C-alpha atoms as a PDB file:
ATOM      1  CA  UNK A   1     -45.757  29.840 -83.163  1.00  0.00           C
ATOM      2  CA  UNK A   2     -43.845  27.822 -80.644  1.00  0.00           C
ATOM      3  CA  UNK A   3     -45.179  25.996 -77.577  1.00  0.00           C
ATOM      4  CA  UNK A   4     -43.636  26.890 -74.233  1.00  0.00           C
ATOM      5  CA  UNK A   5     -42.054  23.651 -73.014  1.00  0.00           C
ATOM      6  CA  UNK A   6     -41.161  22.640 -69.454  1.00  0.00           C
ATOM      7  CA  UNK A   7     -40.215  19.364 -67.872  1.00  0.00           C
ATOM      8  CA  UNK A   8     -39.577  18.006 -64.387  1.00  0.00           C
ATOM      9  CA  UNK A   9     -37.439  14.958 -63.678  1.00  0.00           C
ATOM     10  CA  UNK A  10     -38.910  12.658 -61.066  1.00  0.00           C
ATOM     11  CA  UNK A  11     -36.604  11.730 -58.173  1.00  0.00           C
ATOM     12  CA  UNK A  12     -36.326   8.243 -56.701  1.00  0.00           C
ATOM     13  CA  UNK A  13     -35.007   7.110 -53.332  1.00  0.00           C
ATOM     14  CA  UNK A  14     -32.399   4.376 -52.751  1.00  0.00           C
ATOM     15  CA  UNK A  15     -34.902   1.518 -52.592  1.00  0.00           C
ATOM     16  CA  UNK A  16     -36.490   2.393 -55.920  1.00  0.00           C
ATOM     17  CA  UNK A  17     -33.035   3.057 -57.367  1.00  0.00           C
ATOM     18  CA  UNK A  18     -32.090  -0.497 -56.434  1.00  0.00           C
ATOM     19  CA  UNK A  19     -35.218  -1.877 -58.104  1.00  0.00           C
ATOM     20  CA  UNK A  20     -34.590   0.099 -61.286  1.00  0.00           C
ATOM     21  CA  UNK A  21     -30.798  -0.078 -61.668  1.00  0.00           C
ATOM     22  CA  UNK A  22     -29.962  -3.265 -59.772  1.00  0.00           C
ATOM     23  CA  UNK A  23     -27.492  -1.468 -57.499  1.00  0.00           C
ATOM     24  CA  UNK A  24     -28.110  -2.539 -53.885  1.00  0.00           C
ATOM     25  CA  UNK A  25     -28.647   0.165 -51.278  1.00  0.00           C
ATOM     26  CA  UNK A  26     -25.496  -0.828 -49.407  1.00  0.00           C
ATOM     27  CA  UNK A  27     -23.502  -0.602 -52.644  1.00  0.00           C
ATOM     28  CA  UNK A  28     -24.949   2.836 -53.358  1.00  0.00           C
ATOM     29  CA  UNK A  29     -23.821   3.921 -49.898  1.00  0.00           C
ATOM     30  CA  UNK A  30     -20.328   2.455 -50.362  1.00  0.00           C
ATOM     31  CA  UNK A  31     -19.887   4.033 -53.795  1.00  0.00           C
ATOM     32  CA  UNK A  32     -20.948   7.399 -52.395  1.00  0.00           C
ATOM     33  CA  UNK A  33     -18.451   7.139 -49.533  1.00  0.00           C
ATOM     34  CA  UNK A  34     -15.719   6.205 -52.012  1.00  0.00           C
ATOM     35  CA  UNK A  35     -16.512   9.202 -54.208  1.00  0.00           C
ATOM     36  CA  UNK A  36     -17.931   7.270 -57.194  1.00  0.00           C
ATOM     37  CA  UNK A  37     -21.370   8.858 -56.662  1.00  0.00           C
ATOM     38  CA  UNK A  38     -22.114  12.448 -55.592  1.00  0.00           C
ATOM     39  CA  UNK A  39     -22.446  12.994 -51.856  1.00  0.00           C
ATOM     40  CA  UNK A  40     -25.800  14.164 -50.550  1.00  0.00           C
ATOM     41  CA  UNK A  41     -27.267  15.459 -47.325  1.00  0.00           C
ATOM     42  CA  UNK A  42     -29.991  13.159 -46.043  1.00  0.00           C
ATOM     43  CA  UNK A  43     -31.470  10.436 -48.221  1.00  0.00           C
ATOM     44  CA  UNK A  44     -29.977  10.183 -51.698  1.00  0.00           C
ATOM     45  CA  UNK A  45     -32.291  11.009 -54.624  1.00  0.00           C
ATOM     46  CA  UNK A  46     -31.828   9.840 -58.195  1.00  0.00           C
ATOM     47  CA  UNK A  47     -33.275  11.147 -61.445  1.00  0.00           C
ATOM     48  CA  UNK A  48     -33.262   9.367 -64.791  1.00  0.00           C
ATOM     49  CA  UNK A  49     -29.707  10.422 -65.616  1.00  0.00           C
ATOM     50  CA  UNK A  50     -28.416   9.238 -62.254  1.00  0.00           C
ATOM     51  CA  UNK A  51     -30.225   5.906 -62.603  1.00  0.00           C
ATOM     52  CA  UNK A  52     -28.761   5.360 -66.055  1.00  0.00           C
ATOM     53  CA  UNK A  53     -25.276   6.006 -64.732  1.00  0.00           C
ATOM     54  CA  UNK A  54     -25.939   3.585 -61.861  1.00  0.00           C
ATOM     55  CA  UNK A  55     -26.928   0.933 -64.398  1.00  0.00           C
ATOM     56  CA  UNK A  56     -23.692   1.486 -66.345  1.00  0.00           C
ATOM     57  CA  UNK A  57     -21.568   1.215 -63.183  1.00  0.00           C
ATOM     58  CA  UNK A  58     -23.416  -1.911 -62.043  1.00  0.00           C
ATOM     59  CA  UNK A  59     -23.181  -3.651 -65.429  1.00  0.00           C
ATOM     60  CA  UNK A  60     -19.457  -2.951 -65.653  1.00  0.00           C
ATOM     61  CA  UNK A  61     -18.899  -4.135 -62.076  1.00  0.00           C
ATOM     62  CA  UNK A  62     -20.733  -7.384 -62.852  1.00  0.00           C
ATOM     63  CA  UNK A  63     -18.079  -8.234 -65.456  1.00  0.00           C
ATOM     64  CA  UNK A  64     -15.079  -7.170 -63.356  1.00  0.00           C
ATOM     65  CA  UNK A  65     -14.675  -3.510 -64.258  1.00  0.00           C
ATOM     66  CA  UNK A  66     -15.038  -1.640 -60.974  1.00  0.00           C
ATOM     67  CA  UNK A  67     -16.441   1.854 -60.429  1.00  0.00           C
ATOM     68  CA  UNK A  68     -13.023   3.443 -60.034  1.00  0.00           C
ATOM     69  CA  UNK A  69     -12.261   2.692 -63.705  1.00  0.00           C
ATOM     70  CA  UNK A  70     -15.817   2.823 -65.041  1.00  0.00           C
ATOM     71  CA  UNK A  71     -16.388   6.290 -63.579  1.00  0.00           C
ATOM     72  CA  UNK A  72     -14.234   7.685 -66.413  1.00  0.00           C
ATOM     73  CA  UNK A  73     -17.017   7.026 -68.922  1.00  0.00           C
ATOM     74  CA  UNK A  74     -20.129   6.163 -66.903  1.00  0.00           C
ATOM     75  CA  UNK A  75     -21.760   9.608 -67.151  1.00  0.00           C
ATOM     76  CA  UNK A  76     -21.295   9.788 -70.905  1.00  0.00           C
ATOM     77  CA  UNK A  77     -22.617   6.269 -71.426  1.00  0.00           C
ATOM     78  CA  UNK A  78     -25.489   7.062 -69.059  1.00  0.00           C
ATOM     79  CA  UNK A  79     -26.524  10.081 -71.168  1.00  0.00           C
ATOM     80  CA  UNK A  80     -26.694   7.923 -74.298  1.00  0.00           C
ATOM     81  CA  UNK A  81     -28.791   5.424 -72.339  1.00  0.00           C
ATOM     82  CA  UNK A  82     -31.089   8.158 -70.988  1.00  0.00           C
ATOM     83  CA  UNK A  83     -31.724   9.368 -74.564  1.00  0.00           C
ATOM     84  CA  UNK A  84     -33.022   5.919 -75.456  1.00  0.00           C
ATOM     85  CA  UNK A  85     -35.190   5.871 -72.336  1.00  0.00           C
ATOM     86  CA  UNK A  86     -36.666   9.184 -73.428  1.00  0.00           C
ATOM     87  CA  UNK A  87     -37.739   7.642 -76.754  1.00  0.00           C
ATOM     88  CA  UNK A  88     -40.207   5.393 -74.885  1.00  0.00           C
ATOM     89  CA  UNK A  89     -43.711   6.675 -74.201  1.00  0.00           C
ATOM     90  CA  UNK A  90     -43.817   5.013 -70.780  1.00  0.00           C
ATOM     91  CA  UNK A  91     -41.032   7.399 -69.610  1.00  0.00           C
ATOM     92  CA  UNK A  92     -43.466  10.334 -69.643  1.00  0.00           C
ATOM     93  CA  UNK A  93     -46.565  11.750 -68.041  1.00  0.00           C
ATOM     94  CA  UNK A  94     -48.429  14.986 -68.682  1.00  0.00           C
ATOM     95  CA  UNK A  95     -48.510  16.775 -72.032  1.00  0.00           C
ATOM     96  CA  UNK A  96     -45.905  14.652 -73.811  1.00  0.00           C
ATOM     97  CA  UNK A  97     -48.197  13.750 -76.702  1.00  0.00           C
ATOM     98  CA  UNK A  98     -48.538  17.458 -77.521  1.00  0.00           C
ATOM     99  CA  UNK A  99     -44.839  17.661 -78.376  1.00  0.00           C
ATOM    100  CA  UNK A 100     -43.993  18.861 -81.900  1.00  0.00           C
ATOM    101  CA  UNK A 101     -42.691  16.407 -84.425  1.00  0.00           C
ATOM    102  CA  UNK A 102     -38.936  16.228 -84.735  1.00  0.00           C
ATOM    103  CA  UNK A 103     -37.668  17.853 -87.898  1.00  0.00           C
ATOM    104  CA  UNK A 104     -35.727  14.656 -88.598  1.00  0.00           C
ATOM    105  CA  UNK A 105     -38.041  12.789 -90.951  1.00  0.00           C
ATOM    106  CA  UNK A 106     -36.552   9.354 -90.489  1.00  0.00           C
ATOM    107  CA  UNK A 107     -38.099   6.360 -92.253  1.00  0.00           C
ATOM    108  CA  UNK A 108     -38.271   2.693 -91.409  1.00  0.00           C
ATOM    109  CA  UNK A 109     -38.598  -0.358 -93.634  1.00  0.00           C
ATOM    110  CA  UNK A 110     -41.842  -2.330 -93.554  1.00  0.00           C
ATOM    111  CA  UNK A 111     -42.171  -5.228 -95.963  1.00  0.00           C
ATOM    112  CA  UNK A 112     -39.697  -3.716 -98.360  1.00  0.00           C
ATOM    113  CA  UNK A 113     -41.466  -0.343 -98.450  1.00  0.00           C
ATOM    114  CA  UNK A 114     -40.184   2.783 -96.802  1.00  0.00           C
ATOM    115  CA  UNK A 115     -42.792   4.363 -94.512  1.00  0.00           C
ATOM    116  CA  UNK A 116     -42.733   7.587 -92.486  1.00  0.00           C
ATOM    117  CA  UNK A 117     -41.630   7.248 -88.877  1.00  0.00           C
ATOM    118  CA  UNK A 118     -44.726   6.834 -86.677  1.00  0.00           C
ATOM    119  CA  UNK A 119     -45.899  10.026 -85.001  1.00  0.00           C
ATOM    120  CA  UNK A 120     -44.805   9.066 -81.466  1.00  0.00           C
ATOM    121  CA  UNK A 121     -41.346   8.201 -82.745  1.00  0.00           C
ATOM    122  CA  UNK A 122     -41.017  11.710 -84.151  1.00  0.00           C
ATOM    123  CA  UNK A 123     -42.457  13.337 -81.032  1.00  0.00           C
ATOM    124  CA  UNK A 124     -40.226  11.330 -78.717  1.00  0.00           C
ATOM    125  CA  UNK A 125     -37.191  12.261 -80.795  1.00  0.00           C
ATOM    126  CA  UNK A 126     -38.069  15.935 -80.297  1.00  0.00           C
ATOM    127  CA  UNK A 127     -38.511  15.459 -76.534  1.00  0.00           C
ATOM    128  CA  UNK A 128     -35.308  13.445 -76.100  1.00  0.00           C
ATOM    129  CA  UNK A 129     -33.263  15.975 -78.058  1.00  0.00           C
ATOM    130  CA  UNK A 130     -34.719  18.983 -76.231  1.00  0.00           C
ATOM    131  CA  UNK A 131     -34.419  17.501 -72.748  1.00  0.00           C
ATOM    132  CA  UNK A 132     -30.789  16.482 -73.291  1.00  0.00           C
ATOM    133  CA  UNK A 133     -29.547  19.214 -75.628  1.00  0.00           C
ATOM    134  CA  UNK A 134     -32.135  22.000 -75.566  1.00  0.00           C
ATOM    135  CA  UNK A 135     -32.586  21.721 -79.339  1.00  0.00           C
ATOM    136  CA  UNK A 136     -33.081  19.314 -82.223  1.00  0.00           C
ATOM    137  CA  UNK A 137     -29.944  17.248 -82.700  1.00  0.00           C
ATOM    138  CA  UNK A 138     -29.131  15.745 -86.103  1.00  0.00           C
ATOM    139  CA  UNK A 139     -27.452  12.690 -84.600  1.00  0.00           C
ATOM    140  CA  UNK A 140     -29.224   9.891 -82.796  1.00  0.00           C
ATOM    141  CA  UNK A 141     -27.609   8.495 -79.659  1.00  0.00           C
ATOM    142  CA  UNK A 142     -25.673   5.317 -80.318  1.00  0.00           C
ATOM    143  CA  UNK A 143     -27.205   1.906 -79.696  1.00  0.00           C
ATOM    144  CA  UNK A 144     -24.104   0.540 -77.967  1.00  0.00           C
ATOM    145  CA  UNK A 145     -21.280   1.683 -75.724  1.00  0.00           C
ATOM    146  CA  UNK A 146     -17.996  -0.211 -76.080  1.00  0.00           C
ATOM    147  CA  UNK A 147     -15.186  -0.519 -73.542  1.00  0.00           C
ATOM    148  CA  UNK A 148     -11.948  -1.825 -75.035  1.00  0.00           C
ATOM    149  CA  UNK A 149      -9.319  -3.886 -73.170  1.00  0.00           C
ATOM    150  CA  UNK A 150      -6.969  -0.869 -73.002  1.00  0.00           C
ATOM    151  CA  UNK A 151      -9.650   1.148 -71.149  1.00  0.00           C
ATOM    152  CA  UNK A 152     -10.681   3.343 -74.082  1.00  0.00           C
ATOM    153  CA  UNK A 153     -14.464   3.647 -74.300  1.00  0.00           C
ATOM    154  CA  UNK A 154     -17.043   5.263 -76.520  1.00  0.00           C
ATOM    155  CA  UNK A 155     -20.397   4.991 -78.260  1.00  0.00           C
ATOM    156  CA  UNK A 156     -21.077   3.292 -81.562  1.00  0.00           C
ATOM    157  CA  UNK A 157     -23.668   1.422 -83.582  1.00  0.00           C
ATOM    158  CA  UNK A 158     -21.195  -1.249 -84.687  1.00  0.00           C
ATOM    159  CA  UNK A 159     -17.611  -2.108 -83.787  1.00  0.00           C
ATOM    160  CA  UNK A 160     -16.603  -0.856 -87.230  1.00  0.00           C
ATOM    161  CA  UNK A 161     -17.660   2.667 -86.206  1.00  0.00           C
ATOM    162  CA  UNK A 162     -14.410   2.921 -84.291  1.00  0.00           C
ATOM    163  CA  UNK A 163     -11.199   3.974 -86.006  1.00  0.00           C
ATOM    164  CA  UNK A 164      -8.608   1.425 -84.897  1.00  0.00           C
ATOM    165  CA  UNK A 165      -5.804   2.684 -87.108  1.00  0.00           C
ATOM    166  CA  UNK A 166      -2.531   2.952 -85.230  1.00  0.00           C
ATOM    167  CA  UNK A 167      -3.873   1.333 -82.086  1.00  0.00           C
ATOM    168  CA  UNK A 168      -5.105  -2.045 -83.244  1.00  0.00           C
ATOM    169  CA  UNK A 169      -2.750  -4.043 -81.033  1.00  0.00           C
ATOM    170  CA  UNK A 170      -3.991  -2.325 -77.879  1.00  0.00           C
ATOM    171  CA  UNK A 171      -7.554  -3.364 -78.743  1.00  0.00           C
ATOM    172  CA  UNK A 172      -6.800  -7.078 -78.686  1.00  0.00           C
ATOM    173  CA  UNK A 173      -8.766  -9.120 -76.169  1.00  0.00           C
ATOM    174  CA  UNK A 174     -12.260  -9.160 -74.751  1.00  0.00           C
ATOM    175  CA  UNK A 175     -14.360  -6.003 -74.883  1.00  0.00           C
ATOM    176  CA  UNK A 176     -17.459  -4.957 -72.936  1.00  0.00           C
ATOM    177  CA  UNK A 177     -20.454  -3.951 -75.016  1.00  0.00           C
ATOM    178  CA  UNK A 178     -23.354  -2.195 -73.279  1.00  0.00           C
ATOM    179  CA  UNK A 179     -26.643  -2.583 -75.235  1.00  0.00           C
ATOM    180  CA  UNK A 180     -28.024   0.879 -74.572  1.00  0.00           C
ATOM    181  CA  UNK A 181     -31.183   0.715 -76.676  1.00  0.00           C
ATOM    182  CA  UNK A 182     -32.187  -2.601 -75.112  1.00  0.00           C
ATOM    183  CA  UNK A 183     -31.195  -1.504 -71.610  1.00  0.00           C
ATOM    184  CA  UNK A 184     -33.493   1.500 -71.925  1.00  0.00           C
ATOM    185  CA  UNK A 185     -36.444  -0.858 -72.156  1.00  0.00           C
ATOM    186  CA  UNK A 186     -35.241  -2.781 -69.121  1.00  0.00           C
ATOM    187  CA  UNK A 187     -34.944   0.416 -67.085  1.00  0.00           C
ATOM    188  CA  UNK A 188     -38.312   1.858 -68.099  1.00  0.00           C
ATOM    189  CA  UNK A 189     -40.017  -1.494 -67.485  1.00  0.00           C
ATOM    190  CA  UNK A 190     -38.318  -1.864 -64.092  1.00  0.00           C
ATOM    191  CA  UNK A 191     -39.469   1.607 -63.023  1.00  0.00           C
ATOM    192  CA  UNK A 192     -43.119   0.953 -63.861  1.00  0.00           C
ATOM    193  CA  UNK A 193     -43.788   4.674 -63.646  1.00  0.00           C
ATOM    194  CA  UNK A 194     -42.777   7.788 -65.594  1.00  0.00           C
ATOM    195  CA  UNK A 195     -39.439   9.545 -65.223  1.00  0.00           C
ATOM    196  CA  UNK A 196     -40.443  12.904 -66.675  1.00  0.00           C
ATOM    197  CA  UNK A 197     -43.405  15.260 -66.253  1.00  0.00           C
ATOM    198  CA  UNK A 198     -44.040  17.296 -69.410  1.00  0.00           C
ATOM    199  CA  UNK A 199     -45.967  20.603 -69.620  1.00  0.00           C
ATOM    200  CA  UNK A 200     -46.721  22.616 -72.730  1.00  0.00           C
ATOM    201  CA  UNK A 201     -48.085  26.136 -72.340  1.00  0.00           C
ATOM    202  CA  UNK A 202     -49.915  28.229 -74.906  1.00  0.00           C
ATOM    203  CA  UNK A 203     -48.032  28.841 -78.180  1.00  0.00           C
ATOM    204  CA  UNK A 204     -46.321  32.229 -78.379  1.00  0.00           C
END
């Protein structure tokens, strides 16, 4: 028996995109003209994945890494960020609490005792995995996204996750670390409304 699952991503206009991502409307327009954002006929519309990419581009630009360079990794970083947004109950409306539990029975530590992951945590894991990948995924999205001085970038939970062998010298200097798990809360709070409409039909 498996529930029939459907979702719809809500679209936001430029003004709401500015409120959620911090990217001003004029900057959105300029980035679109320069090819850093997809062109659109009429008013631009942004879904959760677009907004997460906007946040990545804006955060990098704020510390001197412009969209021309950041575009190389902004979509990938944005997908990791969107996964964390989809773990938060405020990102949803509709039948989201009918979602099955994820098969990944993670535990968390509470006062020295290991307890089962709370039910919403297991449901949200199922939803996040199925919206992004269409299936349960054994790996959680990383909590951070790191951009090294040489331009290499990638996800990780700690700096030690990265294999620096053979390229240590090129990594010297300041790095940019995007706190994806924390940023997801900022984005969902800034929106103040759901990003995804969930519908479950009758089990087949």
